[in-house]
Amino acid sequence: MLYYLILCRSLTYAQRTARVLERAGVSGYVQKTPKAISKGGCGYGVKVSERRLAEALQVLRREGMAPKQVFLQEATGAYREVQP
């Protein structure tokens, strides 16, 4: 299964993002950003399934919480940035 990682500017923001998604019925899990895609130190993101990304982005935009970046986690484990 493919997943998307919605990057956030801080742990607090990632937690808020996950709560907003959960209230809308979209499962999201806070995780530390992998070093391969982390720019300038540690970061956090919210992991959502491939089939729920569009809904998650719509919910976040409606709540005024546009994502910083979005990455696709491919089956190989590699990450590729996608346009939100």
PDB file of N, CA and C in Angstrom:
ATOM      1  N   MET A   1       0.839  -1.175   0.000  1.00  0.00           N
ATOM      2  CA  MET A   1       0.000   0.000   0.000  1.00  0.00           C
ATOM      3  C   MET A   1       0.890   1.247   0.000  1.00  0.00           C
ATOM      4  N   LEU A   2       0.502   2.236  -0.774  1.00  0.00           N
ATOM      5  CA  LEU A   2       1.247   3.485  -0.843  1.00  0.00           C
ATOM      6  C   LEU A   2       0.700   4.471   0.179  1.00  0.00           C
ATOM      7  N   TYR A   3       1.610   5.295   0.691  1.00  0.00           N
ATOM      8  CA  TYR A   3       1.234   6.307   1.672  1.00  0.00           C
ATOM      9  C   TYR A   3       1.786   7.660   1.258  1.00  0.00           C
ATOM     10  N   TYR A   4       1.165   8.697   1.781  1.00  0.00           N
ATOM     11  CA  TYR A   4       1.655  10.053   1.594  1.00  0.00           C
ATOM     12  C   TYR A   4       2.040  10.608   2.950  1.00  0.00           C
ATOM     13  N   LEU A   5       3.076  11.430   2.949  1.00  0.00           N
ATOM     14  CA  LEU A   5       3.523  12.089   4.169  1.00  0.00           C
ATOM     15  C   LEU A   5       3.344  13.587   3.970  1.00  0.00           C
ATOM     16  N   ILE A   6       2.468  14.162   4.774  1.00  0.00           N
ATOM     17  CA  ILE A   6       2.203  15.601   4.732  1.00  0.00           C
ATOM     18  C   ILE A   6       3.138  16.245   5.743  1.00  0.00           C
ATOM     19  N   LEU A   7       4.132  17.004   5.253  1.00  0.00           N
ATOM     20  CA  LEU A   7       5.105  17.605   6.158  1.00  0.00           C
ATOM     21  C   LEU A   7       4.521  18.818   6.867  1.00  0.00           C
ATOM     22  N   CYS A   8       4.907  18.964   8.113  1.00  0.00           N
ATOM     23  CA  CYS A   8       4.442  20.063   8.946  1.00  0.00           C
ATOM     24  C   CYS A   8       5.644  20.822   9.501  1.00  0.00           C
ATOM     25  N   ARG A   9       5.422  22.057   9.916  1.00  0.00           N
ATOM     26  CA  ARG A   9       6.531  22.887  10.373  1.00  0.00           C
ATOM     27  C   ARG A   9       6.996  22.580  11.789  1.00  0.00           C
ATOM     28  N   SER A  10       6.205  21.831  12.554  1.00  0.00           N
ATOM     29  CA  SER A  10       6.599  21.491  13.933  1.00  0.00           C
ATOM     30  C   SER A  10       5.810  20.275  14.410  1.00  0.00           C
ATOM     31  N   LEU A  11       6.232  19.715  15.529  1.00  0.00           N
ATOM     32  CA  LEU A  11       5.518  18.592  16.122  1.00  0.00           C
ATOM     33  C   LEU A  11       4.104  19.015  16.512  1.00  0.00           C
ATOM     34  N   THR A  12       3.976  20.188  17.104  1.00  0.00           N
ATOM     35  CA  THR A  12       2.662  20.682  17.516  1.00  0.00           C
ATOM     36  C   THR A  12       1.727  20.808  16.317  1.00  0.00           C
ATOM     37  N   TYR A  13       2.238  21.347  15.222  1.00  0.00           N
ATOM     38  CA  TYR A  13       1.429  21.509  14.014  1.00  0.00           C
ATOM     39  C   TYR A  13       1.045  20.151  13.433  1.00  0.00           C
ATOM     40  N   ALA A  14       1.953  19.176  13.481  1.00  0.00           N
ATOM     41  CA  ALA A  14       1.654  17.816  13.006  1.00  0.00           C
ATOM     42  C   ALA A  14       0.553  17.194  13.863  1.00  0.00           C
ATOM     43  N   GLN A  15       0.618  17.389  15.165  1.00  0.00           N
ATOM     44  CA  GLN A  15      -0.408  16.851  16.056  1.00  0.00           C
ATOM     45  C   GLN A  15      -1.762  17.501  15.781  1.00  0.00           C
ATOM     46  N   ARG A  16      -1.754  18.815  15.570  1.00  0.00           N
ATOM     47  CA  ARG A  16      -2.992  19.531  15.230  1.00  0.00           C
ATOM     48  C   ARG A  16      -3.571  19.024  13.915  1.00  0.00           C
ATOM     49  N   THR A  17      -2.697  18.821  12.932  1.00  0.00           N
ATOM     50  CA  THR A  17      -3.112  18.319  11.625  1.00  0.00           C
ATOM     51  C   THR A  17      -3.775  16.953  11.762  1.00  0.00           C
ATOM     52  N   ALA A  18      -3.157  16.060  12.526  1.00  0.00           N
ATOM     53  CA  ALA A  18      -3.716  14.719  12.726  1.00  0.00           C
ATOM     54  C   ALA A  18      -5.072  14.781  13.416  1.00  0.00           C
ATOM     55  N   ARG A  19      -5.220  15.684  14.397  1.00  0.00           N
ATOM     56  CA  ARG A  19      -6.506  15.819  15.095  1.00  0.00           C
ATOM     57  C   ARG A  19      -7.599  16.326  14.158  1.00  0.00           C
ATOM     58  N   VAL A  20      -7.270  17.316  13.341  1.00  0.00           N
ATOM     59  CA  VAL A  20      -8.247  17.862  12.387  1.00  0.00           C
ATOM     60  C   VAL A  20      -8.683  16.772  11.414  1.00  0.00           C
ATOM     61  N   LEU A  21      -7.740  15.997  10.922  1.00  0.00           N
ATOM     62  CA  LEU A  21      -8.076  14.913   9.998  1.00  0.00           C
ATOM     63  C   LEU A  21      -8.921  13.851  10.681  1.00  0.00           C
ATOM     64  N   GLU A  22      -8.565  13.497  11.905  1.00  0.00           N
ATOM     65  CA  GLU A  22      -9.306  12.471  12.646  1.00  0.00           C
ATOM     66  C   GLU A  22     -10.760  12.887  12.850  1.00  0.00           C
ATOM     67  N   ARG A  23     -10.984  14.169  13.189  1.00  0.00           N
ATOM     68  CA  ARG A  23     -12.354  14.664  13.370  1.00  0.00           C
ATOM     69  C   ARG A  23     -13.160  14.581  12.079  1.00  0.00           C
ATOM     70  N   ALA A  24     -12.461  14.663  10.940  1.00  0.00           N
ATOM     71  CA  ALA A  24     -13.136  14.582   9.638  1.00  0.00           C
ATOM     72  C   ALA A  24     -13.252  13.137   9.149  1.00  0.00           C
ATOM     73  N   GLY A  25     -12.768  12.187   9.942  1.00  0.00           N
ATOM     74  CA  GLY A  25     -12.880  10.781   9.571  1.00  0.00           C
ATOM     75  C   GLY A  25     -11.738  10.249   8.729  1.00  0.00           C
ATOM     76  N   VAL A  26     -10.629  11.001   8.668  1.00  0.00           N
ATOM     77  CA  VAL A  26      -9.455  10.576   7.900  1.00  0.00           C
ATOM     78  C   VAL A  26      -8.358  10.194   8.886  1.00  0.00           C
ATOM     79  N   SER A  27      -7.912   8.948   8.818  1.00  0.00           N
ATOM     80  CA  SER A  27      -6.850   8.505   9.728  1.00  0.00           C
ATOM     81  C   SER A  27      -5.513   9.087   9.294  1.00  0.00           C
ATOM     82  N   GLY A  28      -4.824   9.693  10.236  1.00  0.00           N
ATOM     83  CA  GLY A  28      -3.501  10.248   9.992  1.00  0.00           C
ATOM     84  C   GLY A  28      -2.619   9.959  11.186  1.00  0.00           C
ATOM     85  N   TYR A  29      -1.366   9.614  10.926  1.00  0.00           N
ATOM     86  CA  TYR A  29      -0.449   9.238  11.993  1.00  0.00           C
ATOM     87  C   TYR A  29       0.767  10.147  11.992  1.00  0.00           C
ATOM     88  N   VAL A  30       1.059  10.737  13.134  1.00  0.00           N
ATOM     89  CA  VAL A  30       2.216  11.614  13.270  1.00  0.00           C
ATOM     90  C   VAL A  30       3.467  10.747  13.265  1.00  0.00           C
ATOM     91  N   GLN A  31       4.457  11.177  12.495  1.00  0.00           N
ATOM     92  CA  GLN A  31       5.735  10.474  12.483  1.00  0.00           C
ATOM     93  C   GLN A  31       6.856  11.466  12.222  1.00  0.00           C
ATOM     94  N   LYS A  32       8.035  11.095  12.654  1.00  0.00           N
ATOM     95  CA  LYS A  32       9.218  11.907  12.421  1.00  0.00           C
ATOM     96  C   LYS A  32       9.543  11.857  10.931  1.00  0.00           C
ATOM     97  N   THR A  33       9.963  12.984  10.377  1.00  0.00           N
ATOM     98  CA  THR A  33      10.307  13.034   8.967  1.00  0.00           C
ATOM     99  C   THR A  33      11.600  12.257   8.728  1.00  0.00           C
ATOM    100  N   PRO A  34      11.614  11.367   7.738  1.00  0.00           N
ATOM    101  CA  PRO A  34      12.839  10.624   7.422  1.00  0.00           C
ATOM    102  C   PRO A  34      13.974  11.568   7.015  1.00  0.00           C
ATOM    103  N   LYS A  35      15.189  11.217   7.350  1.00  0.00           N
ATOM    104  CA  LYS A  35      16.348  12.056   7.041  1.00  0.00           C
ATOM    105  C   LYS A  35      16.486  12.330   5.556  1.00  0.00           C
ATOM    106  N   ALA A  36      16.063  11.391   4.730  1.00  0.00           N
ATOM    107  CA  ALA A  36      16.184  11.538   3.279  1.00  0.00           C
ATOM    108  C   ALA A  36      15.425  12.751   2.745  1.00  0.00           C
ATOM    109  N   ILE A  37      14.373  13.174   3.434  1.00  0.00           N
ATOM    110  CA  ILE A  37      13.578  14.306   2.948  1.00  0.00           C
ATOM    111  C   ILE A  37      13.558  15.478   3.919  1.00  0.00           C
ATOM    112  N   SER A  38      14.206  15.326   5.044  1.00  0.00           N
ATOM    113  CA  SER A  38      14.241  16.393   6.048  1.00  0.00           C
ATOM    114  C   SER A  38      15.251  17.451   5.641  1.00  0.00           C
ATOM    115  N   LYS A  39      14.825  18.688   5.629  1.00  0.00           N
ATOM    116  CA  LYS A  39      15.711  19.800   5.266  1.00  0.00           C
ATOM    117  C   LYS A  39      16.105  20.549   6.531  1.00  0.00           C
ATOM    118  N   GLY A  40      17.369  20.517   6.859  1.00  0.00           N
ATOM    119  CA  GLY A  40      17.857  21.312   7.983  1.00  0.00           C
ATOM    120  C   GLY A  40      17.429  20.812   9.346  1.00  0.00           C
ATOM    121  N   GLY A  41      17.513  19.538   9.590  1.00  0.00           N
ATOM    122  CA  GLY A  41      17.220  19.042  10.928  1.00  0.00           C
ATOM    123  C   GLY A  41      15.965  18.202  10.985  1.00  0.00           C
ATOM    124  N   CYS A  42      15.478  18.038  12.194  1.00  0.00           N
ATOM    125  CA  CYS A  42      14.327  17.162  12.392  1.00  0.00           C
ATOM    126  C   CYS A  42      13.041  17.856  11.977  1.00  0.00           C
ATOM    127  N   GLY A  43      12.060  17.075  11.692  1.00  0.00           N
ATOM    128  CA  GLY A  43      10.753  17.575  11.327  1.00  0.00           C
ATOM    129  C   GLY A  43       9.733  16.489  11.567  1.00  0.00           C
ATOM    130  N   TYR A  44       8.481  16.845  11.427  1.00  0.00           N
ATOM    131  CA  TYR A  44       7.399  15.893  11.635  1.00  0.00           C
ATOM    132  C   TYR A  44       6.381  16.013  10.521  1.00  0.00           C
ATOM    133  N   GLY A  45       5.676  14.931  10.311  1.00  0.00           N
ATOM    134  CA  GLY A  45       4.652  14.917   9.295  1.00  0.00           C
ATOM    135  C   GLY A  45       3.507  14.017   9.720  1.00  0.00           C
ATOM    136  N   VAL A  46       2.485  13.994   8.882  1.00  0.00           N
ATOM    137  CA  VAL A  46       1.321  13.157   9.122  1.00  0.00           C
ATOM    138  C   VAL A  46       1.187  12.212   7.925  1.00  0.00           C
ATOM    139  N   LYS A  47       1.152  10.935   8.220  1.00  0.00           N
ATOM    140  CA  LYS A  47       1.078   9.890   7.204  1.00  0.00           C
ATOM    141  C   LYS A  47      -0.386   9.531   6.957  1.00  0.00           C
ATOM    142  N   VAL A  48      -0.793   9.581   5.671  1.00  0.00           N
ATOM    143  CA  VAL A  48      -2.163   9.205   5.296  1.00  0.00           C
ATOM    144  C   VAL A  48      -2.098   8.218   4.138  1.00  0.00           C
ATOM    145  N   SER A  49      -3.113   7.395   4.021  1.00  0.00           N
ATOM    146  CA  SER A  49      -3.129   6.404   2.939  1.00  0.00           C
ATOM    147  C   SER A  49      -3.372   7.087   1.599  1.00  0.00           C
ATOM    148  N   GLU A  50      -2.950   6.404   0.565  1.00  0.00           N
ATOM    149  CA  GLU A  50      -3.065   6.931  -0.798  1.00  0.00           C
ATOM    150  C   GLU A  50      -4.511   7.286  -1.149  1.00  0.00           C
ATOM    151  N   ARG A  51      -5.434   6.441  -0.773  1.00  0.00           N
ATOM    152  CA  ARG A  51      -6.833   6.672  -1.162  1.00  0.00           C
ATOM    153  C   ARG A  51      -7.491   7.812  -0.394  1.00  0.00           C
ATOM    154  N   ARG A  52      -6.882   8.300   0.672  1.00  0.00           N
ATOM    155  CA  ARG A  52      -7.481   9.374   1.477  1.00  0.00           C
ATOM    156  C   ARG A  52      -6.776  10.723   1.323  1.00  0.00           C
ATOM    157  N   LEU A  53      -5.744  10.801   0.470  1.00  0.00           N
ATOM    158  CA  LEU A  53      -4.981  12.050   0.348  1.00  0.00           C
ATOM    159  C   LEU A  53      -5.842  13.218  -0.119  1.00  0.00           C
ATOM    160  N   ALA A  54      -6.608  13.042  -1.175  1.00  0.00           N
ATOM    161  CA  ALA A  54      -7.416  14.146  -1.711  1.00  0.00           C
ATOM    162  C   ALA A  54      -8.365  14.688  -0.646  1.00  0.00           C
ATOM    163  N   GLU A  55      -8.998  13.793   0.076  1.00  0.00           N
ATOM    164  CA  GLU A  55      -9.910  14.205   1.143  1.00  0.00           C
ATOM    165  C   GLU A  55      -9.157  14.930   2.260  1.00  0.00           C
ATOM    166  N   ALA A  56      -7.977  14.416   2.620  1.00  0.00           N
ATOM    167  CA  ALA A  56      -7.173  15.033   3.674  1.00  0.00           C
ATOM    168  C   ALA A  56      -6.764  16.452   3.291  1.00  0.00           C
ATOM    169  N   LEU A  57      -6.317  16.630   2.048  1.00  0.00           N
ATOM    170  CA  LEU A  57      -5.908  17.965   1.598  1.00  0.00           C
ATOM    171  C   LEU A  57      -7.082  18.926   1.563  1.00  0.00           C
ATOM    172  N   GLN A  58      -8.241  18.431   1.175  1.00  0.00           N
ATOM    173  CA  GLN A  58      -9.448  19.267   1.141  1.00  0.00           C
ATOM    174  C   GLN A  58      -9.812  19.722   2.559  1.00  0.00           C
ATOM    175  N   VAL A  59      -9.757  18.819   3.516  1.00  0.00           N
ATOM    176  CA  VAL A  59     -10.060  19.146   4.915  1.00  0.00           C
ATOM    177  C   VAL A  59      -9.062  20.178   5.437  1.00  0.00           C
ATOM    178  N   LEU A  60      -7.792  19.978   5.158  1.00  0.00           N
ATOM    179  CA  LEU A  60      -6.771  20.903   5.659  1.00  0.00           C
ATOM    180  C   LEU A  60      -6.925  22.292   5.050  1.00  0.00           C
ATOM    181  N   ARG A  61      -7.214  22.361   3.769  1.00  0.00           N
ATOM    182  CA  ARG A  61      -7.414  23.678   3.130  1.00  0.00           C
ATOM    183  C   ARG A  61      -8.621  24.388   3.729  1.00  0.00           C
ATOM    184  N   ARG A  62      -9.681  23.635   3.962  1.00  0.00           N
ATOM    185  CA  ARG A  62     -10.898  24.208   4.550  1.00  0.00           C
ATOM    186  C   ARG A  62     -10.620  24.778   5.944  1.00  0.00           C
ATOM    187  N   GLU A  63      -9.721  24.138   6.678  1.00  0.00           N
ATOM    188  CA  GLU A  63      -9.371  24.573   8.029  1.00  0.00           C
ATOM    189  C   GLU A  63      -8.230  25.598   8.043  1.00  0.00           C
ATOM    190  N   GLY A  64      -7.742  26.004   6.862  1.00  0.00           N
ATOM    191  CA  GLY A  64      -6.661  26.980   6.789  1.00  0.00           C
ATOM    192  C   GLY A  64      -5.309  26.417   7.201  1.00  0.00           C
ATOM    193  N   MET A  65      -5.114  25.131   6.974  1.00  0.00           N
ATOM    194  CA  MET A  65      -3.874  24.457   7.375  1.00  0.00           C
ATOM    195  C   MET A  65      -3.198  23.833   6.154  1.00  0.00           C
ATOM    196  N   ALA A  66      -2.887  24.642   5.176  1.00  0.00           N
ATOM    197  CA  ALA A  66      -2.260  24.136   3.955  1.00  0.00           C
ATOM    198  C   ALA A  66      -0.935  23.455   4.283  1.00  0.00           C
ATOM    199  N   PRO A  67      -0.652  22.314   3.664  1.00  0.00           N
ATOM    200  CA  PRO A  67       0.578  21.587   3.951  1.00  0.00           C
ATOM    201  C   PRO A  67       1.819  22.293   3.398  1.00  0.00           C
ATOM    202  N   LYS A  68       2.929  22.097   4.085  1.00  0.00           N
ATOM    203  CA  LYS A  68       4.218  22.641   3.670  1.00  0.00           C
ATOM    204  C   LYS A  68       4.704  21.921   2.413  1.00  0.00           C
ATOM    205  N   GLN A  69       4.741  20.599   2.492  1.00  0.00           N
ATOM    206  CA  GLN A  69       5.117  19.740   1.372  1.00  0.00           C
ATOM    207  C   GLN A  69       4.400  18.410   1.530  1.00  0.00           C
ATOM    208  N   VAL A  70       4.266  17.690   0.417  1.00  0.00           N
ATOM    209  CA  VAL A  70       3.663  16.363   0.450  1.00  0.00           C
ATOM    210  C   VAL A  70       4.581  15.412  -0.313  1.00  0.00           C
ATOM    211  N   PHE A  71       4.866  14.264   0.299  1.00  0.00           N
ATOM    212  CA  PHE A  71       5.720  13.260  -0.318  1.00  0.00           C
ATOM    213  C   PHE A  71       4.969  11.940  -0.437  1.00  0.00           C
ATOM    214  N   LEU A  72       5.194  11.253  -1.545  1.00  0.00           N
ATOM    215  CA  LEU A  72       4.676   9.914  -1.755  1.00  0.00           C
ATOM    216  C   LEU A  72       5.723   8.933  -1.260  1.00  0.00           C
ATOM    217  N   GLN A  73       5.320   7.998  -0.406  1.00  0.00           N
ATOM    218  CA  GLN A  73       6.224   6.932   0.015  1.00  0.00           C
ATOM    219  C   GLN A  73       5.933   5.750  -0.896  1.00  0.00           C
ATOM    220  N   GLU A  74       6.869   5.473  -1.791  1.00  0.00           N
ATOM    221  CA  GLU A  74       6.678   4.411  -2.766  1.00  0.00           C
ATOM    222  C   GLU A  74       6.856   3.040  -2.128  1.00  0.00           C
ATOM    223  N   ALA A  75       6.459   2.005  -2.852  1.00  0.00           N
ATOM    224  CA  ALA A  75       6.540   0.638  -2.347  1.00  0.00           C
ATOM    225  C   ALA A  75       7.968   0.250  -1.978  1.00  0.00           C
ATOM    226  N   THR A  76       8.958   0.852  -2.622  1.00  0.00           N
ATOM    227  CA  THR A  76      10.365   0.561  -2.335  1.00  0.00           C
ATOM    228  C   THR A  76      10.837   1.230  -1.052  1.00  0.00           C
ATOM    229  N   GLY A  77      10.022   2.150  -0.513  1.00  0.00           N
ATOM    230  CA  GLY A  77      10.408   2.895   0.680  1.00  0.00           C
ATOM    231  C   GLY A  77      10.985   4.262   0.355  1.00  0.00           C
ATOM    232  N   ALA A  78      11.227   4.516  -0.924  1.00  0.00           N
ATOM    233  CA  ALA A  78      11.754   5.817  -1.351  1.00  0.00           C
ATOM    234  C   ALA A  78      10.644   6.865  -1.299  1.00  0.00           C
ATOM    235  N   TYR A  79      11.051   8.128  -1.172  1.00  0.00           N
ATOM    236  CA  TYR A  79      10.096   9.240  -1.118  1.00  0.00           C
ATOM    237  C   TYR A  79      10.249  10.107  -2.355  1.00  0.00           C
ATOM    238  N   ARG A  80       9.114  10.593  -2.852  1.00  0.00           N
ATOM    239  CA  ARG A  80       9.103  11.489  -4.001  1.00  0.00           C
ATOM    240  C   ARG A  80       8.109  12.606  -3.718  1.00  0.00           C
ATOM    241  N   GLU A  81       8.568  13.850  -3.889  1.00  0.00           N
ATOM    242  CA  GLU A  81       7.682  14.993  -3.626  1.00  0.00           C
ATOM    243  C   GLU A  81       6.614  15.089  -4.706  1.00  0.00           C
ATOM    244  N   VAL A  82       5.397  15.401  -4.273  1.00  0.00           N
ATOM    245  CA  VAL A  82       4.278  15.591  -5.183  1.00  0.00           C
ATOM    246  C   VAL A  82       3.649  16.951  -4.894  1.00  0.00           C
ATOM    247  N   GLN A  83       2.928  17.460  -5.848  1.00  0.00           N
ATOM    248  CA  GLN A  83       2.255  18.747  -5.674  1.00  0.00           C
ATOM    249  C   GLN A  83       0.956  18.518  -4.907  1.00  0.00           C
ATOM    250  N   PRO A  84       0.741  19.286  -3.824  1.00  0.00           N
ATOM    251  CA  PRO A  84      -0.501  19.110  -3.047  1.00  0.00           C
ATOM    252  C   PRO A  84      -1.728  19.637  -3.773  1.00  0.00           C
TER     253      PRO A  84
END
